[in-house]
Amino acid sequence: MGEHNYFVYLMASHRNGTLYCGVTNDLARRVVEHREGRAEGFTARYGVSRLVWFEQHSDINEAILREKRIKNWNRAWKLALIERENREWRDLGVELGLEAMPDCHPREGGDPGF
């Protein structure tokens, strides 16, 4: 049986902005969906489109467990996780072959600071 790859990831609206944690088996495709607003709901509403952290797993159950744990973390722990590996909050989509996102700022009246 072939090896599978699953990714737990954090998206942000901008540095220290709104955060979203998710899991996927195709990180590049999922990032594009967030960027283009095809990931309806929370991420589209708050402009969460910059990939700022991810990790790879070979087991979907481990990936889902990790995602659930991170979702239950407080904000400070999530920020520390991002800054441990991405202090500058670079757009990591570039590492996946995507174009860099322009520096973004919160949407007017839309960033709750999650």
N, C-alpha and C. Protein backbone atom coordinates (compact mmCIF):
# COMPACT_ATOMS: atom_id res chain seq x y z
N MET A 1 0.85 -1.19 0.00
CA MET A 1 0.00 0.00 0.00
C MET A 1 0.88 1.24 0.00
N GLY A 2 0.55 2.23 -0.82
CA GLY A 2 1.35 3.44 -0.94
C GLY A 2 1.26 4.34 0.27
N GLU A 3 2.27 5.17 0.42
CA GLU A 3 2.29 6.11 1.55
C GLU A 3 1.40 7.31 1.24
N HIS A 4 0.65 7.73 2.22
CA HIS A 4 -0.22 8.88 2.06
C HIS A 4 0.35 10.05 2.86
N ASN A 5 0.03 11.23 2.43
CA ASN A 5 0.47 12.43 3.13
C ASN A 5 -0.75 13.25 3.53
N TYR A 6 -0.74 13.68 4.77
CA TYR A 6 -1.79 14.52 5.31
C TYR A 6 -1.10 15.71 5.97
N PHE A 7 -1.75 16.85 5.93
CA PHE A 7 -1.15 18.06 6.45
C PHE A 7 -2.09 18.73 7.44
N VAL A 8 -1.54 19.13 8.58
CA VAL A 8 -2.23 20.00 9.52
C VAL A 8 -1.63 21.38 9.25
N TYR A 9 -2.48 22.39 9.16
CA TYR A 9 -1.96 23.69 8.75
C TYR A 9 -2.67 24.82 9.50
N LEU A 10 -1.99 25.95 9.54
CA LEU A 10 -2.55 27.19 10.08
C LEU A 10 -2.50 28.25 9.00
N MET A 11 -3.64 28.88 8.79
CA MET A 11 -3.77 30.01 7.88
C MET A 11 -4.00 31.25 8.74
N ALA A 12 -3.61 32.41 8.21
CA ALA A 12 -3.81 33.67 8.92
C ALA A 12 -4.30 34.74 7.96
N SER A 13 -5.02 35.71 8.51
CA SER A 13 -5.46 36.84 7.69
C SER A 13 -4.30 37.80 7.47
N HIS A 14 -3.42 37.90 8.43
CA HIS A 14 -2.22 38.73 8.39
C HIS A 14 -1.43 38.42 9.64
N ARG A 15 -0.27 39.01 9.81
CA ARG A 15 0.55 38.78 11.00
C ARG A 15 -0.27 39.08 12.25
N ASN A 16 -0.32 38.13 13.16
CA ASN A 16 -1.06 38.23 14.41
C ASN A 16 -2.56 38.43 14.20
N GLY A 17 -3.05 38.11 13.02
CA GLY A 17 -4.47 38.28 12.72
C GLY A 17 -5.29 37.05 13.05
N THR A 18 -6.41 36.92 12.37
CA THR A 18 -7.31 35.80 12.57
C THR A 18 -6.63 34.52 12.09
N LEU A 19 -6.77 33.45 12.86
CA LEU A 19 -6.15 32.17 12.56
C LEU A 19 -7.20 31.11 12.26
N TYR A 20 -6.80 30.15 11.41
CA TYR A 20 -7.65 29.00 11.11
C TYR A 20 -6.76 27.77 11.05
N CYS A 21 -7.19 26.70 11.71
CA CYS A 21 -6.47 25.43 11.68
C CYS A 21 -7.28 24.42 10.90
N GLY A 22 -6.62 23.68 10.01
CA GLY A 22 -7.31 22.67 9.22
C GLY A 22 -6.43 21.48 8.95
N VAL A 23 -7.01 20.47 8.30
CA VAL A 23 -6.28 19.27 7.88
C VAL A 23 -6.70 18.93 6.46
N THR A 24 -5.76 18.46 5.65
CA THR A 24 -6.03 18.14 4.26
C THR A 24 -5.03 17.10 3.76
N ASN A 25 -5.38 16.46 2.64
CA ASN A 25 -4.43 15.55 2.00
C ASN A 25 -3.76 16.21 0.79
N ASP A 26 -4.14 17.45 0.47
CA ASP A 26 -3.55 18.18 -0.65
C ASP A 26 -3.42 19.64 -0.23
N LEU A 27 -2.27 19.96 0.34
CA LEU A 27 -2.08 21.28 0.94
C LEU A 27 -2.13 22.41 -0.09
N ALA A 28 -1.48 22.23 -1.22
CA ALA A 28 -1.48 23.30 -2.23
C ALA A 28 -2.90 23.59 -2.70
N ARG A 29 -3.66 22.54 -3.01
CA ARG A 29 -5.05 22.73 -3.45
C ARG A 29 -5.87 23.45 -2.39
N ARG A 30 -5.70 23.05 -1.14
CA ARG A 30 -6.48 23.65 -0.06
C ARG A 30 -6.13 25.11 0.14
N VAL A 31 -4.85 25.44 0.05
CA VAL A 31 -4.43 26.84 0.19
C VAL A 31 -5.05 27.69 -0.92
N VAL A 32 -5.05 27.17 -2.14
CA VAL A 32 -5.67 27.89 -3.26
C VAL A 32 -7.16 28.10 -2.97
N GLU A 33 -7.84 27.09 -2.46
CA GLU A 33 -9.25 27.23 -2.13
C GLU A 33 -9.48 28.34 -1.11
N HIS A 34 -8.62 28.40 -0.09
CA HIS A 34 -8.73 29.49 0.90
C HIS A 34 -8.48 30.84 0.24
N ARG A 35 -7.46 30.92 -0.57
CA ARG A 35 -7.10 32.19 -1.22
C ARG A 35 -8.20 32.70 -2.14
N GLU A 36 -8.85 31.79 -2.83
CA GLU A 36 -9.88 32.18 -3.80
C GLU A 36 -11.26 32.27 -3.18
N GLY A 37 -11.35 32.07 -1.88
CA GLY A 37 -12.63 32.17 -1.20
C GLY A 37 -13.55 31.00 -1.44
N ARG A 38 -13.01 29.89 -1.99
CA ARG A 38 -13.84 28.70 -2.23
C ARG A 38 -14.04 27.90 -0.95
N ALA A 39 -13.23 28.17 0.07
CA ALA A 39 -13.43 27.56 1.39
C ALA A 39 -14.41 28.48 2.11
N GLU A 40 -15.69 28.27 1.85
CA GLU A 40 -16.71 29.17 2.36
C GLU A 40 -16.76 29.17 3.88
N GLY A 41 -17.36 30.19 4.42
CA GLY A 41 -17.54 30.28 5.86
C GLY A 41 -16.50 31.17 6.51
N PHE A 42 -15.95 30.68 7.59
CA PHE A 42 -15.06 31.46 8.45
C PHE A 42 -13.88 32.07 7.70
N THR A 43 -13.14 31.24 6.94
CA THR A 43 -11.93 31.77 6.30
C THR A 43 -12.24 32.80 5.23
N ALA A 44 -13.31 32.59 4.48
CA ALA A 44 -13.70 33.57 3.46
C ALA A 44 -14.18 34.86 4.12
N ARG A 45 -14.96 34.71 5.19
CA ARG A 45 -15.52 35.89 5.87
C ARG A 45 -14.44 36.79 6.45
N TYR A 46 -13.38 36.19 7.01
CA TYR A 46 -12.34 36.98 7.67
C TYR A 46 -11.06 37.12 6.86
N GLY A 47 -11.06 36.73 5.61
CA GLY A 47 -9.89 36.93 4.75
C GLY A 47 -8.68 36.12 5.19
N VAL A 48 -8.91 34.92 5.68
CA VAL A 48 -7.83 34.07 6.16
C VAL A 48 -7.27 33.32 4.96
N SER A 49 -6.16 33.81 4.40
CA SER A 49 -5.68 33.27 3.13
C SER A 49 -4.16 33.08 3.06
N ARG A 50 -3.46 33.29 4.15
CA ARG A 50 -1.99 33.17 4.15
C ARG A 50 -1.58 31.93 4.93
N LEU A 51 -0.91 30.98 4.27
CA LEU A 51 -0.40 29.79 4.95
C LEU A 51 0.81 30.20 5.77
N VAL A 52 0.74 30.00 7.11
CA VAL A 52 1.83 30.44 7.97
C VAL A 52 2.51 29.30 8.72
N TRP A 53 1.89 28.10 8.72
CA TRP A 53 2.49 26.95 9.40
C TRP A 53 1.84 25.69 8.87
N PHE A 54 2.63 24.61 8.77
CA PHE A 54 2.07 23.30 8.46
C PHE A 54 3.03 22.22 8.89
N GLU A 55 2.47 21.02 9.08
CA GLU A 55 3.29 19.85 9.34
C GLU A 55 2.66 18.67 8.63
N GLN A 56 3.49 17.72 8.26
CA GLN A 56 3.06 16.57 7.47
C GLN A 56 2.91 15.34 8.36
N HIS A 57 1.90 14.53 8.06
CA HIS A 57 1.66 13.27 8.77
C HIS A 57 1.42 12.18 7.74
N SER A 58 1.75 10.95 8.09
CA SER A 58 1.48 9.83 7.19
C SER A 58 0.20 9.09 7.57
N ASP A 59 -0.35 9.40 8.73
CA ASP A 59 -1.57 8.74 9.21
C ASP A 59 -2.67 9.78 9.40
N ILE A 60 -3.81 9.58 8.74
CA ILE A 60 -4.91 10.55 8.82
C ILE A 60 -5.42 10.71 10.24
N ASN A 61 -5.45 9.64 11.00
CA ASN A 61 -5.94 9.73 12.38
C ASN A 61 -5.04 10.59 13.25
N GLU A 62 -3.72 10.47 13.05
CA GLU A 62 -2.78 11.32 13.78
C GLU A 62 -2.97 12.78 13.37
N ALA A 63 -3.16 13.02 12.08
CA ALA A 63 -3.34 14.38 11.59
C ALA A 63 -4.62 15.00 12.17
N ILE A 64 -5.70 14.26 12.18
CA ILE A 64 -6.96 14.77 12.72
C ILE A 64 -6.84 15.04 14.22
N LEU A 65 -6.18 14.15 14.95
CA LEU A 65 -5.97 14.35 16.38
C LEU A 65 -5.15 15.62 16.64
N ARG A 66 -4.10 15.80 15.86
CA ARG A 66 -3.25 16.99 16.01
C ARG A 66 -4.05 18.26 15.72
N GLU A 67 -4.86 18.23 14.65
CA GLU A 67 -5.70 19.38 14.31
C GLU A 67 -6.64 19.71 15.47
N LYS A 68 -7.29 18.71 16.02
CA LYS A 68 -8.23 18.93 17.13
C LYS A 68 -7.52 19.51 18.34
N ARG A 69 -6.33 19.00 18.62
CA ARG A 69 -5.57 19.53 19.77
C ARG A 69 -5.21 20.99 19.56
N ILE A 70 -4.71 21.31 18.37
CA ILE A 70 -4.32 22.70 18.10
C ILE A 70 -5.55 23.61 18.15
N LYS A 71 -6.67 23.17 17.63
CA LYS A 71 -7.89 23.99 17.68
C LYS A 71 -8.29 24.31 19.12
N ASN A 72 -7.95 23.43 20.04
CA ASN A 72 -8.29 23.66 21.45
C ASN A 72 -7.24 24.47 22.20
N TRP A 73 -6.11 24.75 21.57
CA TRP A 73 -5.08 25.55 22.21
C TRP A 73 -5.56 26.99 22.35
N ASN A 74 -4.94 27.69 23.31
CA ASN A 74 -5.21 29.13 23.39
C ASN A 74 -4.41 29.85 22.30
N ARG A 75 -4.78 31.07 22.05
CA ARG A 75 -4.18 31.85 20.98
C ARG A 75 -2.67 31.99 21.13
N ALA A 76 -2.20 32.23 22.34
CA ALA A 76 -0.76 32.42 22.58
C ALA A 76 0.04 31.19 22.15
N TRP A 77 -0.47 30.01 22.39
CA TRP A 77 0.23 28.78 22.00
C TRP A 77 0.29 28.67 20.48
N LYS A 78 -0.79 29.03 19.80
CA LYS A 78 -0.80 28.98 18.34
C LYS A 78 0.20 29.98 17.76
N LEU A 79 0.23 31.18 18.31
CA LEU A 79 1.20 32.18 17.84
C LEU A 79 2.62 31.70 18.06
N ALA A 80 2.88 31.08 19.21
CA ALA A 80 4.22 30.56 19.50
C ALA A 80 4.59 29.45 18.52
N LEU A 81 3.65 28.60 18.17
CA LEU A 81 3.90 27.53 17.20
C LEU A 81 4.30 28.13 15.85
N ILE A 82 3.57 29.12 15.40
CA ILE A 82 3.90 29.78 14.13
C ILE A 82 5.28 30.43 14.21
N GLU A 83 5.51 31.20 15.24
CA GLU A 83 6.74 31.99 15.31
C GLU A 83 7.98 31.14 15.58
N ARG A 84 7.80 29.94 16.11
CA ARG A 84 8.93 29.04 16.33
C ARG A 84 9.57 28.67 14.99
N GLU A 85 8.76 28.53 13.94
CA GLU A 85 9.26 28.11 12.63
C GLU A 85 9.14 29.19 11.56
N ASN A 86 8.35 30.22 11.82
CA ASN A 86 8.08 31.23 10.80
C ASN A 86 7.95 32.60 11.47
N ARG A 87 9.03 33.03 12.06
CA ARG A 87 9.03 34.28 12.84
C ARG A 87 8.55 35.48 12.02
N GLU A 88 8.83 35.48 10.73
CA GLU A 88 8.47 36.61 9.87
C GLU A 88 7.05 36.49 9.31
N TRP A 89 6.36 35.40 9.61
CA TRP A 89 5.02 35.15 9.09
C TRP A 89 5.03 35.16 7.56
N ARG A 90 6.10 34.55 6.99
CA ARG A 90 6.18 34.43 5.52
C ARG A 90 4.99 33.63 5.02
N ASP A 91 4.63 33.88 3.77
CA ASP A 91 3.59 33.10 3.12
C ASP A 91 4.21 31.79 2.66
N LEU A 92 3.93 30.70 3.37
CA LEU A 92 4.54 29.42 3.06
C LEU A 92 3.95 28.76 1.82
N GLY A 93 2.91 29.35 1.26
CA GLY A 93 2.38 28.87 -0.01
C GLY A 93 3.45 28.92 -1.10
N VAL A 94 4.40 29.84 -0.96
CA VAL A 94 5.49 29.96 -1.93
C VAL A 94 6.29 28.66 -1.97
N GLU A 95 6.47 28.02 -0.81
CA GLU A 95 7.20 26.75 -0.75
C GLU A 95 6.45 25.64 -1.47
N LEU A 96 5.17 25.84 -1.71
CA LEU A 96 4.35 24.86 -2.43
C LEU A 96 4.24 25.20 -3.91
N GLY A 97 4.95 26.25 -4.36
CA GLY A 97 4.94 26.65 -5.75
C GLY A 97 3.87 27.68 -6.09
N LEU A 98 3.21 28.24 -5.08
CA LEU A 98 2.18 29.25 -5.31
C LEU A 98 2.81 30.64 -5.29
N GLU A 99 2.13 31.61 -5.88
CA GLU A 99 2.61 32.99 -5.82
C GLU A 99 2.45 33.51 -4.40
N ALA A 100 3.35 34.39 -4.00
CA ALA A 100 3.28 34.98 -2.67
C ALA A 100 2.04 35.86 -2.55
N MET A 101 1.44 35.82 -1.40
CA MET A 101 0.31 36.71 -1.11
C MET A 101 0.87 38.08 -0.79
N PRO A 102 0.22 39.14 -1.25
CA PRO A 102 0.67 40.48 -0.89
C PRO A 102 0.47 40.68 0.61
N ASP A 103 1.23 41.61 1.17
CA ASP A 103 1.00 41.93 2.57
C ASP A 103 -0.45 42.33 2.71
N CYS A 104 -1.11 41.74 3.67
CA CYS A 104 -2.53 42.02 3.81
C CYS A 104 -2.82 42.61 5.17
N HIS A 105 -3.91 43.28 5.23
CA HIS A 105 -4.37 43.94 6.44
C HIS A 105 -5.78 43.48 6.72
N PRO A 106 -6.22 43.58 7.95
CA PRO A 106 -7.57 43.11 8.26
C PRO A 106 -8.63 43.82 7.45
N ARG A 107 -9.66 43.07 7.10
CA ARG A 107 -10.79 43.68 6.41
C ARG A 107 -11.52 44.62 7.35
N GLU A 108 -12.08 45.64 6.79
CA GLU A 108 -12.77 46.64 7.60
C GLU A 108 -13.86 45.98 8.43
N GLY A 109 -13.70 46.09 9.75
CA GLY A 109 -14.70 45.56 10.68
C GLY A 109 -14.83 44.07 10.67
N GLY A 110 -13.85 43.34 10.07
CA GLY A 110 -14.05 41.91 9.93
C GLY A 110 -13.13 41.02 10.72
N ASP A 111 -12.11 41.53 11.37
CA ASP A 111 -11.12 40.67 12.01
C ASP A 111 -11.41 40.56 13.50
N PRO A 112 -11.90 39.40 13.97
CA PRO A 112 -12.22 39.27 15.37
C PRO A 112 -10.99 38.96 16.23
N GLY A 113 -9.82 38.70 15.61
CA GLY A 113 -8.60 38.44 16.38
C GLY A 113 -8.51 37.05 16.95
N PHE A 114 -9.16 36.07 16.35
CA PHE A 114 -9.08 34.68 16.85
C PHE A 114 -7.71 34.13 16.68
